[in-house]
Amino acid sequence: QYKFRDLTIEELKNVNKAYPNFTFSMNTYTFKDGSQKDLLNFSGTVPVKYGNSYNIPIRLWILDSYPFAPPICFLKPTVNMGISVGKHVDARGRIYLPYLQNWSHPKSTVNGLIKEMIAKFEEELPLYSLSSSDAARQSELLSYIAKITEGKTDMKSKSKIGGGKNEGCFNKITVVGAGDLGIACVLAVAAKGAADKVVLLDLSDGAAKGGTMDLEIFALPNVEISKDFSASADSKVVILTVNSLGNAQTYLDVIQSNVDLFRGIIPAISHYSQNTVLLVASHPVEVMTYVSWKLSAFPKSRVIGVGANLDSERFQYILTNLLKAQVPAKDAWIIGEQGEDKVPSWTSCNSVVNQTEAMAARNSRETVANRAMEVLKGKGQRSWSVGLSVADLTDSILKDKRKAHSVSTLAKGCCSINSEVFLSLPCILGASGVIEMVKLEEDPLVQEKLQSSAGSIHDLQQQLKL
């Protein structure tokens, strides 16, 4: 059934010569659409040096269009091995490499692929040791995720693995990612007293180091550090702070690396906390919120980006306390796209009685808004300041405050936007995420800028491989 049988056999001989421990067999492979095909595959271990020497078990499936299509690659962990989700490996163990994306016969070979695999694994070890109880949960999770990707599982299923582990916690949150931003979020949420328990999910390799180690040394009450996805079970809010730090050459490559990272994280997170609100702080926030929505299959109300919440809070503060402006700051917002393309806007027209007064009020607000935006430009977004903003949003959700925030939400249908993009808009937040969108004052210039941002974001999303 192989179209290029002789080329395939020759390639397998070369692999067997370089890696004599590999075993070959024909087995049935199930694709994501549920279709099946008998494919040649081989399993074995590859040597990896990561401090010590390790033999990493892998399995490669050879498509019947080989060598013009690349193999499908997986880790093959034993029951006492856990998968370290990263930029090259997702939660079910599938391996993603630049070599696979750039596959081209006759330049690309399986031996060349394995060499790059070894090199990437030596930068980021893909497996770690599990305890016996963790091994059982890992096996069950892998089985579940495999069913999701093959379309066999109802995502709305109420069953939970390890759910009883944290049943005593009423307001539990999980922060995914133990970089500076992740740790800042943990400290800010803990300081605000918003949650009964905070789990920091550290997906990095090796022993605890840096800020994570300091958190362990100076143990904070109700803060748990874990590498196991099951520790996140039953979280009311899951905060995503991870960003890929690969050697991508272009902006699109950087975003694709983040997408690859999320592809391994979101299915596991959404399985353990099926009713959670996802709060995305990873960059670029609009795109990564869209990716989280697509990968989780959650309703749009429960997938939110941190968006322009920090900028809006600063904007309102500058208007009231620095400029002493005679305008209602609570009606002033920063909306749209995070970064240079953000836009000031308003949610009321102050109930003026005639057109002359309306024009005067609009001009007055525009003048003071321009001054405030100049002040705002000098304010950077450090990890600690974003962490405080995240804690503010988390508090509104956990305590069902029904407070308005400018957050990234699905903008389709707003301001004549017809594409599925996420932009910052003022929204009322509660226990179920976005409860309703606050109506903005109609302003043709603002709408034009939002539509422009939506167009560029949509074009970028179309180039990504989800």
Protein backbone atom coordinates (compact mmCIF):
# COMPACT_ATOMS: atom_id res chain seq x y z
CA GLN A 1 0.00 0.00 0.00
CA TYR A 2 3.03 2.30 0.22
CA LYS A 3 3.28 4.41 -2.91
CA PHE A 4 7.07 4.62 -2.81
CA ARG A 5 7.86 1.21 -1.34
CA ASP A 6 11.51 0.99 -2.43
CA LEU A 7 12.37 4.44 -1.05
CA THR A 8 10.65 3.60 2.22
CA ILE A 9 12.50 0.28 2.59
CA GLU A 10 15.83 1.96 1.86
CA GLU A 11 15.13 4.58 4.52
CA LEU A 12 14.23 1.94 7.11
CA LYS A 13 17.48 0.13 6.44
CA ASN A 14 19.36 3.35 7.18
CA VAL A 15 17.43 3.84 10.42
CA ASN A 16 18.06 0.23 11.49
CA LYS A 17 21.77 0.68 10.86
CA ALA A 18 21.98 3.82 12.99
CA TYR A 19 19.56 2.66 15.72
CA PRO A 20 19.61 -1.17 15.89
CA ASN A 21 17.43 -1.15 19.05
CA PHE A 22 14.36 -0.01 17.05
CA THR A 23 11.62 -2.55 16.36
CA PHE A 24 9.33 -2.34 13.32
CA SER A 25 5.66 -3.37 12.98
CA MET A 26 2.39 -2.67 11.14
CA ASN A 27 -0.39 -1.26 13.34
CA THR A 28 -3.63 0.68 12.99
CA TYR A 29 -3.29 4.44 13.40
CA THR A 30 -6.38 6.54 14.23
CA PHE A 31 -6.40 10.07 12.82
CA LYS A 32 -8.14 13.06 14.43
CA ASP A 33 -11.16 12.70 12.15
CA GLY A 34 -11.67 9.13 13.36
CA SER A 35 -10.42 7.49 10.16
CA GLN A 36 -7.98 4.61 10.51
CA LYS A 37 -5.14 3.20 8.44
CA ASP A 38 -2.63 0.39 8.82
CA LEU A 39 0.77 2.06 8.94
CA LEU A 40 4.36 1.02 9.36
CA ASN A 41 5.81 2.27 12.62
CA PHE A 42 8.91 1.76 14.65
CA SER A 43 9.66 2.12 18.34
CA GLY A 44 12.86 2.45 20.28
CA THR A 45 14.94 4.75 22.43
CA VAL A 46 17.19 7.64 21.52
CA PRO A 47 20.16 8.68 23.69
CA VAL A 48 19.87 12.11 25.32
CA LYS A 49 22.36 13.86 27.58
CA TYR A 50 20.73 16.23 30.07
CA GLY A 51 23.21 16.31 32.92
CA ASN A 52 22.96 12.53 33.05
CA SER A 53 22.40 10.20 30.09
CA TYR A 54 18.83 9.13 29.33
CA ASN A 55 17.20 6.79 26.84
CA ILE A 56 14.03 8.52 25.63
CA PRO A 57 11.40 6.12 24.19
CA ILE A 58 9.78 7.27 20.94
CA ARG A 59 7.45 5.89 18.28
CA LEU A 60 7.39 7.06 14.68
CA TRP A 61 4.52 6.34 12.28
CA ILE A 62 5.39 6.27 8.57
CA LEU A 63 2.61 7.56 6.33
CA ASP A 64 1.89 5.73 3.07
CA SER A 65 2.95 8.85 1.14
CA TYR A 66 6.45 8.71 2.64
CA PRO A 67 9.07 10.08 1.88
CA PHE A 68 7.08 13.05 0.59
CA ALA A 69 5.23 13.39 3.90
CA PRO A 70 6.99 13.43 7.29
CA PRO A 71 6.49 10.76 9.96
CA ILE A 72 4.05 11.30 12.82
CA CYS A 73 6.14 11.30 16.00
CA PHE A 74 5.25 10.49 19.60
CA LEU A 75 6.97 9.92 22.90
CA LYS A 76 6.24 6.45 24.25
CA PRO A 77 6.55 6.89 28.03
CA THR A 78 6.47 3.95 30.40
CA VAL A 79 3.96 3.98 33.26
CA ASN A 80 6.47 5.62 35.62
CA MET A 81 7.27 8.49 33.24
CA GLY A 82 5.45 11.81 33.01
CA ILE A 83 5.41 14.06 29.95
CA SER A 84 6.93 17.53 30.32
CA VAL A 85 4.71 19.62 28.10
CA GLY A 86 6.78 22.17 26.18
CA LYS A 87 7.25 23.87 22.87
CA HIS A 88 8.14 20.56 21.18
CA VAL A 89 5.83 18.11 23.03
CA ASP A 90 2.11 18.26 23.82
CA ALA A 91 0.21 16.60 26.68
CA ARG A 92 -0.46 13.38 24.76
CA GLY A 93 3.22 13.05 23.83
CA ARG A 94 3.08 14.13 20.21
CA ILE A 95 6.36 15.65 19.06
CA TYR A 96 6.52 18.89 17.04
CA LEU A 97 9.83 19.98 15.49
CA PRO A 98 10.96 22.53 12.88
CA TYR A 99 12.40 19.57 10.95
CA LEU A 100 8.88 18.15 10.55
CA GLN A 101 7.38 21.48 9.48
CA ASN A 102 10.13 21.99 6.90
CA TRP A 103 10.16 18.39 5.64
CA SER A 104 11.30 18.12 2.03
CA HIS A 105 12.41 14.99 0.14
CA PRO A 106 15.22 14.10 -0.52
CA LYS A 107 16.90 16.57 1.87
CA SER A 108 14.87 15.33 4.87
CA THR A 109 15.43 11.86 6.32
CA VAL A 110 14.30 9.97 9.41
CA ASN A 111 17.88 9.85 10.70
CA GLY A 112 18.10 13.63 10.27
CA LEU A 113 14.79 13.98 12.10
CA ILE A 114 16.02 11.85 15.02
CA LYS A 115 19.23 13.90 15.26
CA GLU A 116 17.21 17.11 15.61
CA MET A 117 14.90 15.37 18.10
CA ILE A 118 17.88 14.45 20.28
CA ALA A 119 19.26 18.00 20.06
CA LYS A 120 15.90 19.55 21.11
CA PHE A 121 15.42 17.01 23.92
CA GLU A 122 18.87 17.91 25.26
CA GLU A 123 17.67 21.52 25.52
CA GLU A 124 14.34 20.57 27.11
CA LEU A 125 14.02 17.06 28.56
CA PRO A 126 10.58 15.74 27.52
CA LEU A 127 10.01 13.20 30.32
CA TYR A 128 10.34 13.02 34.11
CA SER A 129 9.88 10.35 36.78
CA LEU A 130 6.46 9.80 38.36
CA SER A 131 5.42 8.33 41.68
CA SER A 132 3.15 5.29 41.47
CA SER A 133 -0.02 7.31 42.17
CA ASP A 134 0.98 10.00 39.69
CA ALA A 135 1.70 7.32 37.10
CA ALA A 136 -1.88 6.04 37.33
CA ARG A 137 -3.28 9.55 36.81
CA GLN A 138 -0.87 10.19 33.94
CA SER A 139 -2.01 7.04 32.19
CA GLU A 140 -5.67 7.96 32.63
CA LEU A 141 -5.07 11.51 31.40
CA LEU A 142 -3.24 10.34 28.28
CA SER A 143 -6.11 8.01 27.52
CA TYR A 144 -8.63 10.83 27.92
CA ILE A 145 -6.70 13.29 25.76
CA ALA A 146 -6.28 10.65 23.06
CA LYS A 147 -10.06 10.27 22.98
CA ILE A 148 -10.54 14.04 22.71
CA THR A 149 -8.18 14.34 19.77
CA GLU A 150 -9.85 11.41 18.06
CA GLY A 151 -13.32 12.91 18.53
CA LYS A 152 -14.56 10.14 20.83
CA THR A 153 -15.21 12.10 24.02
CA ASP A 154 -17.92 14.58 24.95
CA MET A 155 -16.08 17.67 26.21
CA LYS A 156 -19.07 18.48 28.41
CA SER A 157 -18.70 15.23 30.33
CA LYS A 158 -19.01 15.72 34.07
CA SER A 159 -16.57 12.96 35.00
CA LYS A 160 -13.33 14.07 36.67
CA ILE A 161 -10.04 12.39 37.41
CA GLY A 162 -8.61 13.08 40.86
CA GLY A 163 -11.44 15.52 41.47
CA GLY A 164 -11.81 14.59 45.11
CA LYS A 165 -8.28 15.71 45.81
CA ASN A 166 -9.26 19.37 46.24
CA GLU A 167 -12.95 19.19 47.08
CA GLY A 168 -12.40 21.14 50.30
CA CYS A 169 -11.27 24.28 48.43
CA PHE A 170 -14.03 26.69 47.56
CA ASN A 171 -12.08 29.35 45.68
CA LYS A 172 -9.10 27.63 44.09
CA ILE A 173 -7.09 29.03 41.20
CA THR A 174 -4.20 27.69 39.14
CA VAL A 175 -1.42 29.74 37.58
CA VAL A 176 0.18 27.96 34.61
CA GLY A 177 3.81 28.94 34.13
CA ALA A 178 6.48 29.65 36.74
CA GLY A 179 8.28 32.52 35.01
CA ASP A 180 8.40 36.06 36.37
CA LEU A 181 4.81 36.78 35.33
CA GLY A 182 3.48 33.53 36.79
CA ILE A 183 5.16 34.15 40.14
CA ALA A 184 3.99 37.78 40.12
CA CYS A 185 0.39 36.55 39.63
CA VAL A 186 0.73 34.08 42.52
CA LEU A 187 2.07 36.78 44.86
CA ALA A 188 -0.55 39.35 43.80
CA VAL A 189 -3.48 36.93 44.15
CA ALA A 190 -2.16 35.73 47.53
CA ALA A 191 -1.70 39.33 48.73
CA LYS A 192 -5.24 40.28 47.66
CA GLY A 193 -6.68 37.28 49.50
CA ALA A 194 -8.83 36.46 46.49
CA ALA A 195 -8.41 32.66 46.62
CA ASP A 196 -8.50 29.95 49.28
CA LYS A 197 -5.78 28.06 47.42
CA VAL A 198 -3.32 28.94 44.67
CA VAL A 199 -1.59 26.25 42.60
CA LEU A 200 1.49 27.22 40.59
CA LEU A 201 1.87 24.74 37.75
CA ASP A 202 5.57 24.70 36.85
CA LEU A 203 6.06 23.14 33.42
CA SER A 204 9.80 23.83 33.22
CA ASP A 205 12.39 21.05 33.25
CA GLY A 206 14.66 19.99 36.08
CA ALA A 207 14.60 20.86 39.74
CA ALA A 208 12.93 23.96 41.13
CA LYS A 209 15.03 27.06 40.60
CA GLY A 210 14.83 30.82 40.67
CA GLY A 211 11.58 32.25 41.94
CA THR A 212 9.94 28.84 42.21
CA MET A 213 12.65 27.68 44.59
CA ASP A 214 12.21 30.85 46.66
CA LEU A 215 8.46 30.19 46.88
CA GLU A 216 9.25 26.73 48.22
CA ILE A 217 11.82 28.05 50.72
CA PHE A 218 9.59 30.82 52.07
CA ALA A 219 6.44 28.72 51.92
CA LEU A 220 3.32 30.86 51.56
CA PRO A 221 0.12 29.59 53.15
CA ASN A 222 -2.31 28.03 50.67
CA VAL A 223 0.21 28.09 47.80
CA GLU A 224 1.14 24.76 46.17
CA ILE A 225 3.80 24.21 43.51
CA SER A 226 3.35 21.23 41.21
CA LYS A 227 4.39 19.80 37.84
CA ASP A 228 1.30 17.59 37.67
CA PHE A 229 -1.77 18.79 35.75
CA SER A 230 -4.04 16.96 38.21
CA ALA A 231 -3.04 19.47 40.90
CA SER A 232 -5.14 22.03 39.00
CA ALA A 233 -8.35 19.99 39.38
CA ASP A 234 -11.52 21.96 40.19
CA SER A 235 -9.96 25.40 39.79
CA LYS A 236 -12.45 28.26 39.53
CA VAL A 237 -9.96 30.28 37.47
CA VAL A 238 -6.91 29.11 35.50
CA ILE A 239 -4.42 31.87 34.65
CA LEU A 240 -2.18 31.19 31.64
CA THR A 241 1.17 33.02 31.74
CA VAL A 242 3.42 30.71 29.67
CA ASN A 243 5.32 32.04 26.67
CA SER A 244 7.66 30.07 24.42
CA LEU A 245 11.28 31.22 24.56
CA GLY A 246 12.41 29.48 21.37
CA ASN A 247 14.80 30.74 18.71
CA ALA A 248 12.04 31.71 16.29
CA GLN A 249 13.15 34.00 13.46
CA THR A 250 9.87 35.80 12.74
CA TYR A 251 6.93 37.14 14.75
CA LEU A 252 4.70 34.46 13.22
CA ASP A 253 7.19 31.77 14.32
CA VAL A 254 7.09 33.13 17.89
CA ILE A 255 3.30 32.97 17.97
CA GLN A 256 3.27 29.50 16.41
CA SER A 257 5.64 28.34 19.17
CA ASN A 258 3.14 29.60 21.74
CA VAL A 259 0.30 27.85 19.89
CA ASP A 260 2.27 24.59 19.95
CA LEU A 261 2.80 25.06 23.69
CA PHE A 262 -0.91 25.69 24.33
CA ARG A 263 -1.88 22.67 22.25
CA GLY A 264 -0.36 20.51 24.97
CA ILE A 265 -1.65 22.50 27.93
CA ILE A 266 -5.27 23.50 27.24
CA PRO A 267 -6.81 20.00 26.79
CA ALA A 268 -5.31 18.83 30.10
CA ILE A 269 -6.35 21.98 31.98
CA SER A 270 -9.89 21.94 30.57
CA HIS A 271 -10.23 18.27 31.47
CA TYR A 272 -9.33 18.70 35.14
CA SER A 273 -11.35 21.92 35.55
CA GLN A 274 -14.24 21.65 33.13
CA ASN A 275 -16.17 24.61 34.59
CA THR A 276 -13.24 26.97 35.03
CA VAL A 277 -12.75 30.44 33.62
CA LEU A 278 -9.59 30.65 31.52
CA LEU A 279 -7.76 33.95 32.05
CA VAL A 280 -5.04 34.41 29.42
CA ALA A 281 -1.99 36.63 30.07
CA SER A 282 0.33 35.07 27.46
CA HIS A 283 1.40 37.11 24.43
CA PRO A 284 0.00 38.24 22.09
CA VAL A 285 -3.02 38.18 24.35
CA GLU A 286 -5.68 38.58 21.64
CA VAL A 287 -4.38 35.65 19.57
CA MET A 288 -3.62 33.39 22.54
CA THR A 289 -7.10 33.99 23.99
CA TYR A 290 -8.57 32.94 20.63
CA VAL A 291 -6.32 29.83 20.63
CA SER A 292 -7.41 28.97 24.19
CA TRP A 293 -11.07 29.30 23.20
CA LYS A 294 -10.64 27.02 20.19
CA LEU A 295 -8.59 24.36 22.00
CA SER A 296 -10.77 24.26 25.13
CA ALA A 297 -14.18 24.20 23.38
CA PHE A 298 -15.40 26.37 26.28
CA PRO A 299 -18.18 28.94 25.77
CA LYS A 300 -16.81 32.38 24.85
CA SER A 301 -17.89 33.81 28.21
CA ARG A 302 -15.39 31.59 30.05
CA VAL A 303 -12.30 32.45 27.97
CA ILE A 304 -10.96 35.92 28.73
CA GLY A 305 -7.71 37.75 27.98
CA VAL A 306 -6.21 40.25 30.43
CA GLY A 307 -6.43 42.70 27.54
CA ALA A 308 -6.40 46.39 28.41
CA ASN A 309 -7.51 46.08 32.04
CA LEU A 310 -4.23 47.50 33.34
CA ASP A 311 -4.23 50.35 30.80
CA SER A 312 -7.87 51.18 31.57
CA GLU A 313 -7.28 51.31 35.32
CA ARG A 314 -4.24 53.55 34.75
CA PHE A 315 -6.20 55.72 32.29
CA GLN A 316 -9.00 56.31 34.79
CA TYR A 317 -6.49 57.03 37.57
CA ILE A 318 -4.58 59.55 35.41
CA LEU A 319 -7.81 61.36 34.47
CA THR A 320 -8.99 61.64 38.07
CA ASN A 321 -5.82 62.04 40.15
CA LEU A 322 -3.15 63.48 37.87
CA LEU A 323 -5.10 65.65 35.42
CA LYS A 324 -8.00 66.40 37.79
CA ALA A 325 -10.20 66.22 34.70
CA GLN A 326 -13.83 67.26 34.94
CA VAL A 327 -15.03 64.12 33.21
CA PRO A 328 -16.51 60.94 34.71
CA ALA A 329 -13.44 58.66 34.71
CA LYS A 330 -15.57 55.58 35.35
CA ASP A 331 -16.92 55.98 31.81
CA ALA A 332 -13.43 56.16 30.28
CA TRP A 333 -11.84 53.01 28.81
CA ILE A 334 -8.87 51.76 26.86
CA ILE A 335 -10.10 49.21 24.34
CA GLY A 336 -9.04 47.29 21.24
CA GLU A 337 -5.63 45.72 20.76
CA GLN A 338 -2.94 45.65 23.43
CA GLY A 339 0.08 47.77 22.50
CA GLU A 340 0.40 50.76 20.19
CA ASP A 341 -3.04 50.28 18.60
CA LYS A 342 -5.06 50.65 21.80
CA VAL A 343 -7.87 53.23 21.67
CA PRO A 344 -9.51 55.47 24.30
CA SER A 345 -13.29 55.28 24.37
CA TRP A 346 -16.32 56.17 26.51
CA THR A 347 -19.46 54.41 27.64
CA SER A 348 -21.76 57.40 28.12
CA CYS A 349 -22.52 60.80 26.60
CA ASN A 350 -23.26 62.47 29.97
CA SER A 351 -26.92 63.05 29.03
CA VAL A 352 -26.30 66.47 27.49
CA VAL A 353 -29.41 68.37 26.48
CA ASN A 354 -28.51 69.66 23.02
CA GLN A 355 -26.15 69.12 20.11
CA THR A 356 -23.94 72.12 21.01
CA GLU A 357 -23.35 70.82 24.52
CA ALA A 358 -22.75 67.32 23.15
CA MET A 359 -20.07 68.61 20.79
CA ALA A 360 -18.43 70.63 23.58
CA ALA A 361 -18.42 67.62 25.90
CA ARG A 362 -16.92 65.42 23.17
CA ASN A 363 -14.16 67.96 22.43
CA SER A 364 -13.39 68.34 26.13
CA ARG A 365 -13.10 64.58 26.61
CA GLU A 366 -10.98 64.19 23.48
CA THR A 367 -8.54 66.84 24.70
CA VAL A 368 -8.14 65.36 28.16
CA ALA A 369 -7.98 61.82 26.75
CA ASN A 370 -5.08 62.81 24.49
CA ARG A 371 -3.22 64.25 27.47
CA ALA A 372 -3.90 61.09 29.49
CA MET A 373 -2.70 58.87 26.64
CA GLU A 374 0.60 60.79 26.56
CA VAL A 375 1.09 60.08 30.27
CA LEU A 376 0.06 56.45 29.74
CA LYS A 377 2.71 55.96 27.04
CA GLY A 378 5.44 56.34 29.65
CA LYS A 379 4.07 53.52 31.77
CA GLY A 380 5.59 50.13 30.97
CA GLN A 381 3.99 46.81 31.81
CA ARG A 382 6.25 45.01 34.25
CA SER A 383 5.49 41.51 35.52
CA TRP A 384 4.43 42.81 38.93
CA SER A 385 2.03 45.39 37.43
CA VAL A 386 0.42 42.79 35.15
CA GLY A 387 0.24 40.46 38.16
CA LEU A 388 -1.72 43.09 40.09
CA SER A 389 -4.09 43.48 37.14
CA VAL A 390 -4.57 39.71 36.94
CA ALA A 391 -5.32 39.59 40.68
CA ASP A 392 -7.92 42.34 40.19
CA LEU A 393 -9.66 40.33 37.45
CA THR A 394 -9.44 37.11 39.44
CA ASP A 395 -11.00 38.80 42.47
CA SER A 396 -13.95 40.04 40.38
CA ILE A 397 -14.56 36.54 39.02
CA LEU A 398 -14.13 34.56 42.23
CA LYS A 399 -16.25 36.97 44.31
CA ASP A 400 -18.84 37.42 41.56
CA LYS A 401 -18.43 41.19 41.86
CA ARG A 402 -20.11 42.03 38.55
CA LYS A 403 -17.58 44.78 38.05
CA ALA A 404 -16.70 46.26 34.65
CA HIS A 405 -13.22 45.60 33.21
CA SER A 406 -11.67 46.09 29.78
CA VAL A 407 -10.76 42.51 28.85
CA SER A 408 -10.16 40.55 25.67
CA THR A 409 -13.44 38.98 24.63
CA LEU A 410 -14.92 37.65 21.41
CA ALA A 411 -15.63 40.82 19.42
CA LYS A 412 -17.61 39.26 16.57
CA GLY A 413 -20.84 41.21 16.11
CA CYS A 414 -19.49 44.35 17.80
CA CYS A 415 -18.63 47.45 15.73
CA SER A 416 -19.46 45.58 12.49
CA ILE A 417 -16.69 43.02 13.13
CA ASN A 418 -17.58 39.75 11.37
CA SER A 419 -14.51 37.61 12.15
CA GLU A 420 -13.75 35.51 15.22
CA VAL A 421 -11.22 37.73 16.95
CA PHE A 422 -10.72 38.77 20.56
CA LEU A 423 -10.37 42.47 21.40
CA SER A 424 -10.47 44.40 24.66
CA LEU A 425 -13.94 45.74 25.38
CA PRO A 426 -15.57 46.77 28.67
CA CYS A 427 -17.33 43.73 30.14
CA ILE A 428 -19.10 42.89 33.38
CA LEU A 429 -17.26 40.00 35.06
CA GLY A 430 -18.71 37.48 37.49
CA ALA A 431 -18.39 33.88 38.59
CA SER A 432 -19.20 32.59 35.10
CA GLY A 433 -16.76 34.94 33.36
CA VAL A 434 -18.17 37.60 31.03
CA ILE A 435 -21.77 38.28 32.01
CA GLU A 436 -22.44 41.08 29.56
CA MET A 437 -20.63 43.63 27.40
CA VAL A 438 -20.91 47.30 28.36
CA LYS A 439 -22.31 49.41 25.51
CA LEU A 440 -19.82 51.87 24.11
CA GLU A 441 -20.70 55.33 22.83
CA GLU A 442 -20.82 55.24 19.05
CA ASP A 443 -17.74 56.86 17.54
CA PRO A 444 -16.91 56.24 13.85
CA LEU A 445 -13.16 56.77 14.43
CA VAL A 446 -13.07 54.25 17.28
CA GLN A 447 -15.04 51.72 15.25
CA GLU A 448 -12.67 52.17 12.32
CA LYS A 449 -9.65 51.48 14.53
CA LEU A 450 -11.28 48.41 16.07
CA GLN A 451 -12.13 47.05 12.63
CA SER A 452 -8.54 47.62 11.50
CA SER A 453 -7.19 45.73 14.52
CA ALA A 454 -9.70 42.92 13.97
CA GLY A 455 -8.61 42.60 10.34
CA SER A 456 -4.89 42.35 11.11
CA ILE A 457 -5.44 39.89 13.96
CA HIS A 458 -7.70 37.71 11.81
CA ASP A 459 -5.11 37.66 9.01
CA LEU A 460 -2.47 36.55 11.53
CA GLN A 461 -4.70 33.81 12.95
CA GLN A 462 -5.32 32.42 9.47
CA GLN A 463 -1.59 31.73 9.13
CA LEU A 464 -1.37 29.69 12.34
CA LYS A 465 -1.50 25.90 12.55
CA LEU A 466 -3.95 24.96 15.30
